[in-house]
């Protein structure tokens, strides 16, 4: 009796799960291959903008970019860098202030910070 009930339940479960299959390695690589030009374009755009802004035009570093340079030169992972902003320090103890709540603001790459406030 238990085997019959078990078979009936397993048949019902199998019938209710439609369209679910084990992912194929080729499908996963296919999606990555399709998205590859987008990510290459995104990286190239960022690199060209950086080169144009700071090498050609010789502009001073924006707040986000200075924070990015500080983060990369100190070899701090992005997750740790975000958590550093939660600490409370005075501006005098911060040095440059990137990521440490300078002026009550957190420094994250890609964010728009209004330092004037």
Protein backbone atom coordinates (compact mmCIF):
# COMPACT_ATOMS: atom_id res chain seq x y z
CA UNK A 1 0.00 0.00 0.00
CA UNK A 2 2.82 2.40 0.85
CA UNK A 3 4.49 1.83 -2.52
CA UNK A 4 1.26 2.61 -4.37
CA UNK A 5 0.77 5.85 -2.43
CA UNK A 6 4.41 6.77 -2.95
CA UNK A 7 4.12 6.17 -6.71
CA UNK A 8 0.90 8.20 -6.91
CA UNK A 9 2.47 11.11 -5.06
CA UNK A 10 5.64 10.98 -7.17
CA UNK A 11 3.54 10.95 -10.36
CA UNK A 12 1.59 13.99 -9.16
CA UNK A 13 4.77 15.81 -8.26
CA UNK A 14 6.30 15.01 -11.62
CA UNK A 15 3.20 16.25 -13.41
CA UNK A 16 3.12 19.52 -11.49
CA UNK A 17 6.70 20.43 -12.31
CA UNK A 18 6.72 21.38 -15.97
CA UNK A 19 9.53 23.17 -17.77
CA UNK A 20 12.10 22.53 -15.08
CA UNK A 21 15.17 20.76 -16.31
CA UNK A 22 18.78 20.47 -15.34
CA UNK A 23 20.69 23.43 -16.81
CA UNK A 24 23.02 22.64 -19.62
CA UNK A 25 26.59 23.89 -19.62
CA UNK A 26 26.16 24.95 -23.24
CA UNK A 27 23.08 27.04 -22.43
CA UNK A 28 24.89 28.78 -19.58
CA UNK A 29 27.89 29.57 -21.77
CA UNK A 30 25.52 30.63 -24.53
CA UNK A 31 23.96 33.30 -22.32
CA UNK A 32 27.37 34.52 -21.24
CA UNK A 33 28.51 34.61 -24.87
CA UNK A 34 25.45 36.67 -25.84
CA UNK A 35 26.09 39.14 -23.00
CA UNK A 36 29.83 39.37 -23.68
CA UNK A 37 29.65 42.26 -26.22
CA UNK A 38 27.55 44.31 -23.78
CA UNK A 39 30.06 43.92 -20.95
CA UNK A 40 33.04 44.56 -23.22
CA UNK A 41 31.35 47.74 -24.46
CA UNK A 42 30.60 48.84 -20.93
CA UNK A 43 34.21 48.36 -19.81
CA UNK A 44 35.62 50.06 -22.91
CA UNK A 45 33.29 53.03 -22.45
CA UNK A 46 34.40 53.42 -18.84
CA UNK A 47 38.09 53.15 -19.78
CA UNK A 48 37.76 55.68 -22.63
CA UNK A 49 35.87 58.15 -20.43
CA UNK A 50 38.51 57.79 -17.72
CA UNK A 51 41.33 58.33 -20.21
CA UNK A 52 39.59 61.35 -21.80
CA UNK A 53 38.73 62.98 -18.48
CA UNK A 54 41.95 62.52 -16.55
CA UNK A 55 44.68 62.04 -19.16
CA UNK A 56 43.61 64.24 -22.04
CA UNK A 57 41.62 67.02 -20.34
CA UNK A 58 43.64 66.80 -17.07
CA UNK A 59 40.56 67.42 -14.92
CA UNK A 60 40.76 66.97 -11.15
CA UNK A 61 39.40 63.65 -9.90
CA UNK A 62 35.71 63.53 -9.09
CA UNK A 63 34.77 62.35 -5.60
CA UNK A 64 33.64 58.90 -6.76
CA UNK A 65 36.77 58.42 -8.85
CA UNK A 66 39.08 59.50 -6.02
CA UNK A 67 37.32 56.99 -3.77
CA UNK A 68 37.71 54.29 -6.41
CA UNK A 69 41.44 55.02 -6.67
CA UNK A 70 41.79 54.90 -2.89
CA UNK A 71 39.89 51.63 -2.68
CA UNK A 72 41.94 49.95 -5.40
CA UNK A 73 45.29 51.22 -4.11
CA UNK A 74 44.49 49.87 -0.62
CA UNK A 75 43.26 46.56 -2.10
CA UNK A 76 39.97 46.76 -0.20
CA UNK A 77 37.13 44.56 -1.52
CA UNK A 78 33.96 46.39 -2.60
CA UNK A 79 31.83 44.81 0.15
CA UNK A 80 34.29 45.92 2.84
CA UNK A 81 34.50 49.38 1.29
CA UNK A 82 30.73 49.80 1.51
CA UNK A 83 30.74 48.78 5.17
CA UNK A 84 33.49 51.25 6.05
CA UNK A 85 31.01 54.05 5.36
CA UNK A 86 28.91 52.88 8.30
CA UNK A 87 31.66 53.79 10.78
CA UNK A 88 31.55 57.19 12.44
CA UNK A 89 34.80 59.17 12.24
CA UNK A 90 35.62 62.85 12.37
CA UNK A 91 36.90 64.48 9.21
CA UNK A 92 40.28 65.11 10.82
CA UNK A 93 40.79 61.38 11.45
CA UNK A 94 39.74 60.37 7.97
CA UNK A 95 42.48 61.87 5.87
CA UNK A 96 40.96 62.14 2.41
CA UNK A 97 37.68 60.79 3.71
CA UNK A 98 36.73 58.29 1.03
CA UNK A 99 34.26 55.73 2.23
CA UNK A 100 34.36 56.86 5.82
CA UNK A 101 31.32 59.08 5.93
CA UNK A 102 32.98 62.30 4.80
CA UNK A 103 30.47 65.06 5.44
CA UNK A 104 27.83 62.48 6.27
CA UNK A 105 28.04 61.00 2.78
CA UNK A 106 29.10 57.53 1.74
CA UNK A 107 31.39 57.04 -1.17
CA UNK A 108 30.29 54.35 -3.58
CA UNK A 109 31.46 53.93 -7.13
CA UNK A 110 28.90 55.23 -9.58
CA UNK A 111 26.96 57.27 -7.03
CA UNK A 112 26.32 60.96 -7.38
CA UNK A 113 27.41 62.77 -4.27
CA UNK A 114 26.49 66.32 -3.46
CA UNK A 115 29.50 67.47 -1.43
CA UNK A 116 28.28 71.05 -1.16
CA UNK A 117 25.64 70.19 1.48
